[in-house]
Amino acid sequence: MYFENIDFSAYKLDLKQLTSIMENHGMVLAGQWDYERVTYDYKFEIKEGIYYLRIPGVAIEGDVGSGKAIIQTKKPYLGKHYYPHGVEYGEDEHFPEHLVKKCKEILSQIEQELKTFSN
């Protein structure tokens, strides 16, 4: 599920700064990166299942592996995890309203910081 009216594609930040901002809001980079892309995750374990709020980004300068890159963030999305198949994001998925509300709150807080530090 993509969030309507929430698009972070205007923001461009240094990888280390971006990671710091994301970590301040519980988002984790962990191993979700390659040399050109990153994905920050927030894991929700609630009674309805396991869900991931994800914020992707792409390197527009440098590369992620070196730790020296400028990342352009992209549109955030929410998915539900199904063991052992992985995460599904489709329109057929049901996302609890309380979860969507919490995600929007987190995204709003992140956006405030992105506006402050973006190039």
Protein backbone atom coordinates (compact mmCIF):
# COMPACT_ATOMS: atom_id res chain seq x y z
CA MET A 1 0.00 0.00 0.00
CA TYR A 2 1.36 3.36 -1.01
CA PHE A 3 0.33 6.32 1.11
CA GLU A 4 -1.76 8.85 -0.78
CA ASN A 5 -0.42 12.41 -0.69
CA ILE A 6 2.87 11.31 0.91
CA ASP A 7 5.85 11.37 -1.43
CA PHE A 8 9.40 11.88 -0.25
CA SER A 9 10.97 12.07 -3.74
CA ALA A 10 11.83 15.76 -3.35
CA TYR A 11 14.34 15.04 -0.56
CA LYS A 12 18.04 14.47 -1.14
CA LEU A 13 20.35 13.82 1.82
CA ASP A 14 23.75 12.45 2.67
CA LEU A 15 23.45 8.73 3.48
CA LYS A 16 24.77 9.12 7.03
CA GLN A 17 22.45 12.04 7.79
CA LEU A 18 19.48 10.21 6.30
CA THR A 19 20.25 7.07 8.29
CA SER A 20 20.50 9.11 11.48
CA ILE A 21 17.11 10.73 10.83
CA MET A 22 15.51 7.38 10.08
CA GLU A 23 16.98 5.77 13.19
CA ASN A 24 15.60 8.64 15.30
CA HIS A 25 12.15 7.45 14.23
CA GLY A 26 12.70 3.71 14.63
CA MET A 27 13.45 3.02 10.97
CA VAL A 28 16.26 0.50 10.36
CA LEU A 29 18.51 0.15 7.31
CA ALA A 30 20.09 -3.19 8.35
CA GLY A 31 20.93 -5.23 5.25
CA GLN A 32 18.35 -3.70 2.93
CA TRP A 33 20.75 -1.95 0.59
CA ASP A 34 22.85 -2.47 -2.48
CA TYR A 35 25.23 -0.04 -4.13
CA GLU A 36 22.45 2.07 -5.63
CA ARG A 37 19.44 1.58 -3.35
CA VAL A 38 18.45 1.64 0.32
CA THR A 39 15.28 0.65 2.15
CA TYR A 40 14.53 1.76 5.70
CA ASP A 41 12.06 -0.45 7.60
CA TYR A 42 9.86 -0.08 10.65
CA LYS A 43 8.56 -3.46 11.80
CA PHE A 44 5.15 -3.70 13.45
CA GLU A 45 4.20 -6.89 15.28
CA ILE A 46 0.53 -6.52 16.12
CA LYS A 47 -2.33 -8.95 16.70
CA GLU A 48 -3.31 -8.78 13.00
CA GLY A 49 0.17 -9.89 11.90
CA ILE A 50 3.60 -8.55 11.02
CA TYR A 51 3.78 -5.42 8.87
CA TYR A 52 6.60 -3.30 7.50
CA LEU A 53 6.55 0.43 6.86
CA ARG A 54 9.21 1.00 4.21
CA ILE A 55 10.93 4.09 2.88
CA PRO A 56 13.08 3.44 -0.17
CA GLY A 57 15.82 5.62 -1.60
CA VAL A 58 18.21 5.67 -4.51
CA ALA A 59 21.79 6.96 -4.70
CA ILE A 60 21.99 9.95 -7.05
CA GLU A 61 25.69 10.53 -6.23
CA GLY A 62 28.29 8.10 -4.94
CA ASP A 63 27.43 4.58 -3.82
CA VAL A 64 25.87 3.16 -0.70
CA GLY A 65 28.59 0.57 -0.12
CA SER A 66 31.23 3.25 0.39
CA GLY A 67 29.04 5.07 2.90
CA LYS A 68 29.45 8.20 0.80
CA ALA A 69 26.31 8.79 -1.19
CA ILE A 70 23.56 11.31 -1.68
CA ILE A 71 20.22 9.53 -1.41
CA GLN A 72 16.96 10.66 -2.95
CA THR A 73 14.10 9.25 -0.90
CA LYS A 74 11.03 7.82 -2.60
CA LYS A 75 7.36 7.20 -1.87
CA PRO A 76 6.86 5.19 1.36
CA TYR A 77 4.74 2.04 1.43
CA LEU A 78 3.32 -0.55 3.82
CA GLY A 79 3.33 -4.32 3.43
CA LYS A 80 2.20 -7.40 5.32
CA HIS A 81 4.62 -10.25 5.99
CA TYR A 82 3.57 -13.82 5.18
CA TYR A 83 5.86 -16.58 6.38
CA PRO A 84 7.70 -18.07 4.48
CA HIS A 85 6.78 -16.14 1.32
CA GLY A 86 7.74 -12.58 2.24
CA VAL A 87 6.05 -9.20 2.23
CA GLU A 88 2.97 -8.40 0.15
CA TYR A 89 1.97 -4.84 -0.76
CA GLY A 90 -1.02 -5.37 -3.04
CA GLU A 91 -4.36 -3.67 -3.08
CA ASP A 92 -5.95 -6.93 -1.92
CA GLU A 93 -4.22 -6.64 1.44
CA HIS A 94 -6.08 -5.39 4.51
CA PHE A 95 -4.19 -2.85 6.61
CA PRO A 96 -5.73 -2.10 10.03
CA GLU A 97 -6.78 1.53 10.42
CA HIS A 98 -4.82 1.96 13.68
CA LEU A 99 -1.68 0.77 11.89
CA VAL A 100 -2.17 3.12 8.94
CA LYS A 101 -2.73 6.02 11.35
CA LYS A 102 0.48 5.20 13.25
CA CYS A 103 2.43 4.98 9.99
CA LYS A 104 1.14 8.38 8.89
CA GLU A 105 2.25 9.87 12.22
CA ILE A 106 5.74 8.41 11.82
CA LEU A 107 5.96 9.60 8.21
CA SER A 108 4.85 13.10 9.17
CA GLN A 109 7.57 13.32 11.83
CA ILE A 110 10.20 12.03 9.41
CA GLU A 111 9.10 14.51 6.75
CA GLN A 112 9.60 17.43 9.14
CA GLU A 113 13.24 16.42 9.60
CA LEU A 114 13.77 15.69 5.92
CA LYS A 115 12.58 19.21 5.07
CA THR A 116 15.09 20.63 7.53
CA PHE A 117 18.14 18.77 6.25
CA SER A 118 17.44 18.11 2.56
CA ASN A 119 19.64 19.68 -0.14
